PDB file of N, CA and C in Angstrom:
ATOM      1  N   MET A   1     264.523 116.679 -77.385  1.00  0.00           N
ATOM      2  CA  MET A   1     265.118 115.402 -77.695  1.00  0.00           C
ATOM      3  C   MET A   1     264.142 114.493 -78.444  1.00  0.00           C
ATOM      4  N   HIS A   2     262.923 114.383 -77.914  1.00  0.00           N
ATOM      5  CA  HIS A   2     261.957 113.494 -78.553  1.00  0.00           C
ATOM      6  C   HIS A   2     261.645 113.950 -79.980  1.00  0.00           C
ATOM      7  N   GLU A   3     261.539 115.251 -80.185  1.00  0.00           N
ATOM      8  CA  GLU A   3     261.192 115.741 -81.523  1.00  0.00           C
ATOM      9  C   GLU A   3     262.286 115.417 -82.536  1.00  0.00           C
ATOM     10  N   ASN A   4     263.534 115.505 -82.130  1.00  0.00           N
ATOM     11  CA  ASN A   4     264.631 115.124 -83.032  1.00  0.00           C
ATOM     12  C   ASN A   4     264.561 113.645 -83.376  1.00  0.00           C
ATOM     13  N   LEU A   5     264.247 112.813 -82.396  1.00  0.00           N
ATOM     14  CA  LEU A   5     264.109 111.385 -82.649  1.00  0.00           C
ATOM     15  C   LEU A   5     262.906 111.118 -83.540  1.00  0.00           C
ATOM     16  N   ASN A   6     261.819 111.831 -83.336  1.00  0.00           N
ATOM     17  CA  ASN A   6     260.645 111.678 -84.197  1.00  0.00           C
ATOM     18  C   ASN A   6     261.001 111.985 -85.649  1.00  0.00           C
ATOM     19  N   THR A   7     261.800 113.009 -85.861  1.00  0.00           N
ATOM     20  CA  THR A   7     262.249 113.366 -87.205  1.00  0.00           C
ATOM     21  C   THR A   7     263.102 112.244 -87.797  1.00  0.00           C
ATOM     22  N   ALA A   8     263.983 111.677 -87.002  1.00  0.00           N
ATOM     23  CA  ALA A   8     264.822 110.566 -87.468  1.00  0.00           C
ATOM     24  C   ALA A   8     263.963 109.351 -87.821  1.00  0.00           C
ATOM     25  N   ILE A   9     262.948 109.071 -87.033  1.00  0.00           N
ATOM     26  CA  ILE A   9     262.064 107.939 -87.306  1.00  0.00           C
ATOM     27  C   ILE A   9     261.330 108.154 -88.625  1.00  0.00           C
ATOM     28  N   ARG A  10     260.818 109.355 -88.843  1.00  0.00           N
ATOM     29  CA  ARG A  10     260.137 109.650 -90.115  1.00  0.00           C
ATOM     30  C   ARG A  10     261.091 109.479 -91.294  1.00  0.00           C
ATOM     31  N   THR A  11     262.337 109.885 -91.124  1.00  0.00           N
ATOM     32  CA  THR A  11     263.338 109.715 -92.178  1.00  0.00           C
ATOM     33  C   THR A  11     263.623 108.231 -92.407  1.00  0.00           C
ATOM     34  N   GLY A  12     263.711 107.466 -91.343  1.00  0.00           N
ATOM     35  CA  GLY A  12     263.919 106.026 -91.461  1.00  0.00           C
ATOM     36  C   GLY A  12     262.783 105.355 -92.217  1.00  0.00           C
ATOM     37  N   VAL A  13     261.566 105.768 -91.956  1.00  0.00           N
ATOM     38  CA  VAL A  13     260.413 105.208 -92.668  1.00  0.00           C
ATOM     39  C   VAL A  13     260.507 105.555 -94.150  1.00  0.00           C
ATOM     40  N   ARG A  14     260.922 106.770 -94.474  1.00  0.00           N
ATOM     41  CA  ARG A  14     261.111 107.140 -95.887  1.00  0.00           C
ATOM     42  C   ARG A  14     262.157 106.241 -96.539  1.00  0.00           C
ATOM     43  N   CYS A  15     263.215 105.943 -95.816  1.00  0.00           N
ATOM     44  CA  CYS A  15     264.253 105.040 -96.351  1.00  0.00           C
ATOM     45  C   CYS A  15     263.677 103.670 -96.668  1.00  0.00           C
ATOM     46  N   LEU A  16     262.773 103.178 -95.829  1.00  0.00           N
ATOM     47  CA  LEU A  16     262.159 101.876 -96.088  1.00  0.00           C
ATOM     48  C   LEU A  16     261.370 101.885 -97.391  1.00  0.00           C
ATOM     49  N   PHE A  17     260.724 102.990 -97.701  1.00  0.00           N
ATOM     50  CA  PHE A  17     260.026 103.093 -98.984  1.00  0.00           C
ATOM     51  C   PHE A  17     261.020 103.024-100.135  1.00  0.00           C
ATOM     52  N   TYR A  18     262.124 103.736-100.026  1.00  0.00           N
ATOM     53  CA  TYR A  18     263.125 103.741-101.095  1.00  0.00           C
ATOM     54  C   TYR A  18     263.743 102.351-101.272  1.00  0.00           C
ATOM     55  N   ILE A  19     263.980 101.648-100.177  1.00  0.00           N
ATOM     56  CA  ILE A  19     264.504 100.277-100.237  1.00  0.00           C
ATOM     57  C   ILE A  19     263.547  99.379-101.020  1.00  0.00           C
ATOM     58  N   ASN A  20     262.270  99.640-100.873  1.00  0.00           N
ATOM     59  CA  ASN A  20     261.248  98.850-101.554  1.00  0.00           C
ATOM     60  C   ASN A  20     260.917  99.360-102.957  1.00  0.00           C
ATOM     61  N   GLY A  21     261.646 100.374-103.421  1.00  0.00           N
ATOM     62  CA  GLY A  21     261.453 100.877-104.772  1.00  0.00           C
ATOM     63  C   GLY A  21     260.300 101.846-104.939  1.00  0.00           C
ATOM     64  N   PHE A  22     259.894 102.492-103.863  1.00  0.00           N
ATOM     65  CA  PHE A  22     258.782 103.443-103.911  1.00  0.00           C
ATOM     66  C   PHE A  22     259.224 104.800-103.369  1.00  0.00           C
ATOM     67  N   TYR A  23     258.550 105.836-103.840  1.00  0.00           N
ATOM     68  CA  TYR A  23     258.693 107.137-103.205  1.00  0.00           C
ATOM     69  C   TYR A  23     257.835 107.125-101.950  1.00  0.00           C
ATOM     70  N   SER A  24     258.265 107.839-100.946  1.00  0.00           N
ATOM     71  CA  SER A  24     257.515 107.916 -99.699  1.00  0.00           C
ATOM     72  C   SER A  24     256.260 108.755 -99.891  1.00  0.00           C
ATOM     73  N   PRO A  25     255.134 108.317 -99.320  1.00  0.00           N
ATOM     74  CA  PRO A  25     253.922 109.141 -99.384  1.00  0.00           C
ATOM     75  C   PRO A  25     254.056 110.358 -98.467  1.00  0.00           C
ATOM     76  N   ALA A  26     253.024 111.153 -98.428  1.00  0.00           N
ATOM     77  CA  ALA A  26     253.003 112.330 -97.559  1.00  0.00           C
ATOM     78  C   ALA A  26     253.323 111.921 -96.120  1.00  0.00           C
ATOM     79  N   GLU A  27     253.977 112.818 -95.423  1.00  0.00           N
ATOM     80  CA  GLU A  27     254.467 112.522 -94.075  1.00  0.00           C
ATOM     81  C   GLU A  27     253.385 111.995 -93.143  1.00  0.00           C
ATOM     82  N   ASP A  28     252.177 112.535 -93.241  1.00  0.00           N
ATOM     83  CA  ASP A  28     251.119 112.120 -92.324  1.00  0.00           C
ATOM     84  C   ASP A  28     250.574 110.727 -92.626  1.00  0.00           C
ATOM     85  N   ARG A  29     250.987 110.117 -93.758  1.00  0.00           N
ATOM     86  CA  ARG A  29     250.511 108.780 -94.112  1.00  0.00           C
ATOM     87  C   ARG A  29     251.621 107.746 -94.213  1.00  0.00           C
ATOM     88  N   ALA A  30     252.851 108.173 -94.111  1.00  0.00           N
ATOM     89  CA  ALA A  30     253.990 107.285 -94.377  1.00  0.00           C
ATOM     90  C   ALA A  30     254.043 106.089 -93.430  1.00  0.00           C
ATOM     91  N   ILE A  31     253.892 106.311 -92.147  1.00  0.00           N
ATOM     92  CA  ILE A  31     253.968 105.185 -91.210  1.00  0.00           C
ATOM     93  C   ILE A  31     252.820 104.214 -91.469  1.00  0.00           C
ATOM     94  N   TYR A  32     251.630 104.728 -91.709  1.00  0.00           N
ATOM     95  CA  TYR A  32     250.478 103.878 -91.982  1.00  0.00           C
ATOM     96  C   TYR A  32     250.744 102.982 -93.191  1.00  0.00           C
ATOM     97  N   TYR A  33     251.173 103.559 -94.287  1.00  0.00           N
ATOM     98  CA  TYR A  33     251.404 102.793 -95.512  1.00  0.00           C
ATOM     99  C   TYR A  33     252.666 101.931 -95.440  1.00  0.00           C
ATOM    100  N   SER A  34     253.580 102.253 -94.559  1.00  0.00           N
ATOM    101  CA  SER A  34     254.823 101.475 -94.481  1.00  0.00           C
ATOM    102  C   SER A  34     254.570 100.024 -94.077  1.00  0.00           C
ATOM    103  N   HIS A  35     253.492  99.770 -93.382  1.00  0.00           N
ATOM    104  CA  HIS A  35     253.193  98.406 -92.938  1.00  0.00           C
ATOM    105  C   HIS A  35     252.950  97.458 -94.112  1.00  0.00           C
ATOM    106  N   SER A  36     252.631  97.987 -95.274  1.00  0.00           N
ATOM    107  CA  SER A  36     252.337  97.138 -96.437  1.00  0.00           C
ATOM    108  C   SER A  36     253.578  96.845 -97.287  1.00  0.00           C
ATOM    109  N   LEU A  37     254.731  97.403 -96.923  1.00  0.00           N
ATOM    110  CA  LEU A  37     255.951  97.163 -97.696  1.00  0.00           C
ATOM    111  C   LEU A  37     256.428  95.728 -97.514  1.00  0.00           C
ATOM    112  N   LYS A  38     257.062  95.189 -98.540  1.00  0.00           N
ATOM    113  CA  LYS A  38     257.536  93.794 -98.485  1.00  0.00           C
ATOM    114  C   LYS A  38     258.846  93.655 -97.706  1.00  0.00           C
ATOM    115  N   LYS A  39     259.790  94.575 -97.936  1.00  0.00           N
ATOM    116  CA  LYS A  39     261.080  94.513 -97.239  1.00  0.00           C
ATOM    117  C   LYS A  39     261.008  95.395 -95.994  1.00  0.00           C
ATOM    118  N   LEU A  40     260.896  94.741 -94.845  1.00  0.00           N
ATOM    119  CA  LEU A  40     260.807  95.432 -93.558  1.00  0.00           C
ATOM    120  C   LEU A  40     261.594  94.642 -92.518  1.00  0.00           C
ATOM    121  N   PRO A  41     262.053  95.313 -91.466  1.00  0.00           N
ATOM    122  CA  PRO A  41     262.698  94.571 -90.378  1.00  0.00           C
ATOM    123  C   PRO A  41     261.714  93.573 -89.767  1.00  0.00           C
ATOM    124  N   GLU A  42     262.243  92.498 -89.249  1.00  0.00           N
ATOM    125  CA  GLU A  42     261.408  91.511 -88.564  1.00  0.00           C
ATOM    126  C   GLU A  42     260.677  92.189 -87.407  1.00  0.00           C
ATOM    127  N   ASN A  43     259.427  91.847 -87.227  1.00  0.00           N
ATOM    128  CA  ASN A  43     258.565  92.428 -86.176  1.00  0.00           C
ATOM    129  C   ASN A  43     258.381  93.937 -86.337  1.00  0.00           C
ATOM    130  N   TYR A  44     258.312  94.391 -87.581  1.00  0.00           N
ATOM    131  CA  TYR A  44     258.225  95.834 -87.849  1.00  0.00           C
ATOM    132  C   TYR A  44     257.053  96.488 -87.134  1.00  0.00           C
ATOM    133  N   ASN A  45     255.892  95.849 -87.143  1.00  0.00           N
ATOM    134  CA  ASN A  45     254.721  96.461 -86.499  1.00  0.00           C
ATOM    135  C   ASN A  45     255.008  96.811 -85.045  1.00  0.00           C
ATOM    136  N   GLU A  46     255.637  95.887 -84.341  1.00  0.00           N
ATOM    137  CA  GLU A  46     255.967  96.121 -82.937  1.00  0.00           C
ATOM    138  C   GLU A  46     257.091  97.153 -82.793  1.00  0.00           C
ATOM    139  N   LEU A  47     258.093  97.057 -83.651  1.00  0.00           N
ATOM    140  CA  LEU A  47     259.233  97.983 -83.568  1.00  0.00           C
ATOM    141  C   LEU A  47     258.821  99.422 -83.801  1.00  0.00           C
ATOM    142  N   ILE A  48     257.999  99.655 -84.843  1.00  0.00           N
ATOM    143  CA  ILE A  48     257.618 101.038 -85.138  1.00  0.00           C
ATOM    144  C   ILE A  48     256.706 101.576 -84.034  1.00  0.00           C
ATOM    145  N   SER A  49     255.889 100.709 -83.474  1.00  0.00           N
ATOM    146  CA  SER A  49     255.039 101.125 -82.364  1.00  0.00           C
ATOM    147  C   SER A  49     255.885 101.500 -81.143  1.00  0.00           C
ATOM    148  N   GLN A  50     256.881 100.672 -80.830  1.00  0.00           N
ATOM    149  CA  GLN A  50     257.763 100.961 -79.702  1.00  0.00           C
ATOM    150  C   GLN A  50     258.567 102.238 -79.943  1.00  0.00           C
ATOM    151  N   SER A  51     258.940 102.471 -81.188  1.00  0.00           N
ATOM    152  CA  SER A  51     259.727 103.662 -81.515  1.00  0.00           C
ATOM    153  C   SER A  51     258.898 104.932 -81.432  1.00  0.00           C
ATOM    154  N   CYS A  52     257.624 104.829 -81.774  1.00  0.00           N
ATOM    155  CA  CYS A  52     256.770 106.022 -81.827  1.00  0.00           C
ATOM    156  C   CYS A  52     256.084 106.339 -80.508  1.00  0.00           C
ATOM    157  N   ASP A  53     255.804 105.329 -79.693  1.00  0.00           N
ATOM    158  CA  ASP A  53     255.157 105.576 -78.398  1.00  0.00           C
ATOM    159  C   ASP A  53     256.149 106.287 -77.491  1.00  0.00           C
ATOM    160  N   GLN A  54     255.700 107.409 -76.899  1.00  0.00           N
ATOM    161  CA  GLN A  54     256.647 108.187 -76.110  1.00  0.00           C
ATOM    162  C   GLN A  54     256.013 108.785 -74.863  1.00  0.00           C
ATOM    163  N   VAL A  55     256.835 108.894 -73.841  1.00  0.00           N
ATOM    164  CA  VAL A  55     256.510 109.642 -72.633  1.00  0.00           C
ATOM    165  C   VAL A  55     257.329 110.920 -72.755  1.00  0.00           C
ATOM    166  N   THR A  56     256.668 112.008 -73.109  1.00  0.00           N
ATOM    167  CA  THR A  56     257.387 113.214 -73.528  1.00  0.00           C
ATOM    168  C   THR A  56     258.253 113.853 -72.452  1.00  0.00           C
ATOM    169  N   ASN A  57     257.955 113.617 -71.197  1.00  0.00           N
ATOM    170  CA  ASN A  57     258.760 114.244 -70.145  1.00  0.00           C
ATOM    171  C   ASN A  57     259.791 113.300 -69.546  1.00  0.00           C
ATOM    172  N   SER A  58     260.126 112.233 -70.282  1.00  0.00           N
ATOM    173  CA  SER A  58     261.031 111.228 -69.731  1.00  0.00           C
ATOM    174  C   SER A  58     262.273 111.067 -70.601  1.00  0.00           C
ATOM    175  N   GLU A  59     263.412 111.386 -70.026  1.00  0.00           N
ATOM    176  CA  GLU A  59     264.681 111.173 -70.715  1.00  0.00           C
ATOM    177  C   GLU A  59     264.948 109.677 -70.869  1.00  0.00           C
ATOM    178  N   GLU A  60     264.578 108.901 -69.877  1.00  0.00           N
ATOM    179  CA  GLU A  60     264.744 107.452 -69.941  1.00  0.00           C
ATOM    180  C   GLU A  60     263.956 106.862 -71.117  1.00  0.00           C
ATOM    181  N   ASP A  61     262.748 107.357 -71.320  1.00  0.00           N
ATOM    182  CA  ASP A  61     261.930 106.869 -72.427  1.00  0.00           C
ATOM    183  C   ASP A  61     262.542 107.251 -73.773  1.00  0.00           C
ATOM    184  N   TYR A  62     263.144 108.422 -73.845  1.00  0.00           N
ATOM    185  CA  TYR A  62     263.832 108.817 -75.077  1.00  0.00           C
ATOM    186  C   TYR A  62     264.915 107.798 -75.431  1.00  0.00           C
ATOM    187  N   PHE A  63     265.730 107.423 -74.460  1.00  0.00           N
ATOM    188  CA  PHE A  63     266.816 106.476 -74.722  1.00  0.00           C
ATOM    189  C   PHE A  63     266.277 105.081 -75.050  1.00  0.00           C
ATOM    190  N   ARG A  64     265.151 104.696 -74.478  1.00  0.00           N
ATOM    191  CA  ARG A  64     264.513 103.431 -74.829  1.00  0.00           C
ATOM    192  C   ARG A  64     264.107 103.446 -76.302  1.00  0.00           C
ATOM    193  N   ARG A  65     263.441 104.524 -76.713  1.00  0.00           N
ATOM    194  CA  ARG A  65     262.994 104.661 -78.106  1.00  0.00           C
ATOM    195  C   ARG A  65     264.177 104.694 -79.063  1.00  0.00           C
ATOM    196  N   GLU A  66     265.199 105.458 -78.706  1.00  0.00           N
ATOM    197  CA  GLU A  66     266.389 105.569 -79.551  1.00  0.00           C
ATOM    198  C   GLU A  66     267.052 104.199 -79.732  1.00  0.00           C
ATOM    199  N   ASN A  67     267.112 103.444 -78.664  1.00  0.00           N
ATOM    200  CA  ASN A  67     267.725 102.115 -78.705  1.00  0.00           C
ATOM    201  C   ASN A  67     266.975 101.200 -79.683  1.00  0.00           C
ATOM    202  N   VAL A  68     265.654 101.169 -79.593  1.00  0.00           N
ATOM    203  CA  VAL A  68     264.852 100.340 -80.503  1.00  0.00           C
ATOM    204  C   VAL A  68     265.065 100.798 -81.942  1.00  0.00           C
ATOM    205  N   PHE A  69     264.983 102.082 -82.174  1.00  0.00           N
ATOM    206  CA  PHE A  69     265.116 102.612 -83.529  1.00  0.00           C
ATOM    207  C   PHE A  69     266.496 102.321 -84.121  1.00  0.00           C
ATOM    208  N   MET A  70     267.534 102.607 -83.382  1.00  0.00           N
ATOM    209  CA  MET A  70     268.892 102.440 -83.912  1.00  0.00           C
ATOM    210  C   MET A  70     269.262 100.963 -84.079  1.00  0.00           C
ATOM    211  N   LYS A  71     268.987 100.160 -83.088  1.00  0.00           N
ATOM    212  CA  LYS A  71     269.431  98.758 -83.130  1.00  0.00           C
ATOM    213  C   LYS A  71     268.613  97.900 -84.076  1.00  0.00           C
ATOM    214  N   LYS A  72     267.366  98.211 -84.278  1.00  0.00           N
ATOM    215  CA  LYS A  72     266.508  97.355 -85.085  1.00  0.00           C
ATOM    216  C   LYS A  72     266.210  97.949 -86.467  1.00  0.00           C
ATOM    217  N   ILE A  73     265.758  99.185 -86.512  1.00  0.00           N
ATOM    218  CA  ILE A  73     265.328  99.764 -87.790  1.00  0.00           C
ATOM    219  C   ILE A  73     266.513 100.301 -88.582  1.00  0.00           C
ATOM    220  N   VAL A  74     267.351 101.090 -87.958  1.00  0.00           N
ATOM    221  CA  VAL A  74     268.515 101.653 -88.679  1.00  0.00           C
ATOM    222  C   VAL A  74     269.481 100.550 -89.086  1.00  0.00           C
ATOM    223  N   SER A  75     269.698  99.570 -88.223  1.00  0.00           N
ATOM    224  CA  SER A  75     270.610  98.477 -88.605  1.00  0.00           C
ATOM    225  C   SER A  75     270.052  97.704 -89.797  1.00  0.00           C
ATOM    226  N   TYR A  76     268.742  97.566 -89.900  1.00  0.00           N
ATOM    227  CA  TYR A  76     268.129  96.923 -91.067  1.00  0.00           C
ATOM    228  C   TYR A  76     268.376  97.770 -92.321  1.00  0.00           C
ATOM    229  N   ILE A  77     268.175  99.062 -92.230  1.00  0.00           N
ATOM    230  CA  ILE A  77     268.368  99.964 -93.373  1.00  0.00           C
ATOM    231  C   ILE A  77     269.818  99.922 -93.852  1.00  0.00           C
ATOM    232  N   ARG A  78     270.750  99.841 -92.930  1.00  0.00           N
ATOM    233  CA  ARG A  78     272.180  99.840 -93.288  1.00  0.00           C
ATOM    234  C   ARG A  78     272.568  98.653 -94.167  1.00  0.00           C
ATOM    235  N   GLN A  79     271.818  97.579 -94.118  1.00  0.00           N
ATOM    236  CA  GLN A  79     272.095  96.420 -94.974  1.00  0.00           C
ATOM    237  C   GLN A  79     272.007  96.783 -96.459  1.00  0.00           C
ATOM    238  N   PHE A  80     271.247  97.814 -96.780  1.00  0.00           N
ATOM    239  CA  PHE A  80     270.978  98.176 -98.159  1.00  0.00           C
ATOM    240  C   PHE A  80     271.828  99.349 -98.648  1.00  0.00           C
ATOM    241  N   THR A  81     272.740  99.823 -97.824  1.00  0.00           N
ATOM    242  CA  THR A  81     273.601 100.947 -98.218  1.00  0.00           C
ATOM    243  C   THR A  81     274.981 100.434 -98.589  1.00  0.00           C
ATOM    244  N   ASN A  82     275.662 101.195 -99.397  1.00  0.00           N
ATOM    245  CA  ASN A  82     277.009 100.798 -99.817  1.00  0.00           C
ATOM    246  C   ASN A  82     278.056 101.420 -98.963  1.00  0.00           C
TER     247      ASN A  82
END
């Protein structure tokens, strides 16, 4: 479960680069460089940290992370889609 969410988070970060008119950098650097983008959800630093921090053996933690990612980051990305 966590690995699927991690993949979704990485994809969401790539979307933020595209929203800002850039190609996404290599996967291992994308989150680091995403902090410098101009168009980001409010409190992005905290949101991405909450989304990425995980307790791997906890289903409850998975749903906490999913909630932050979907309600804050994905909802922000959806503003830019048709």
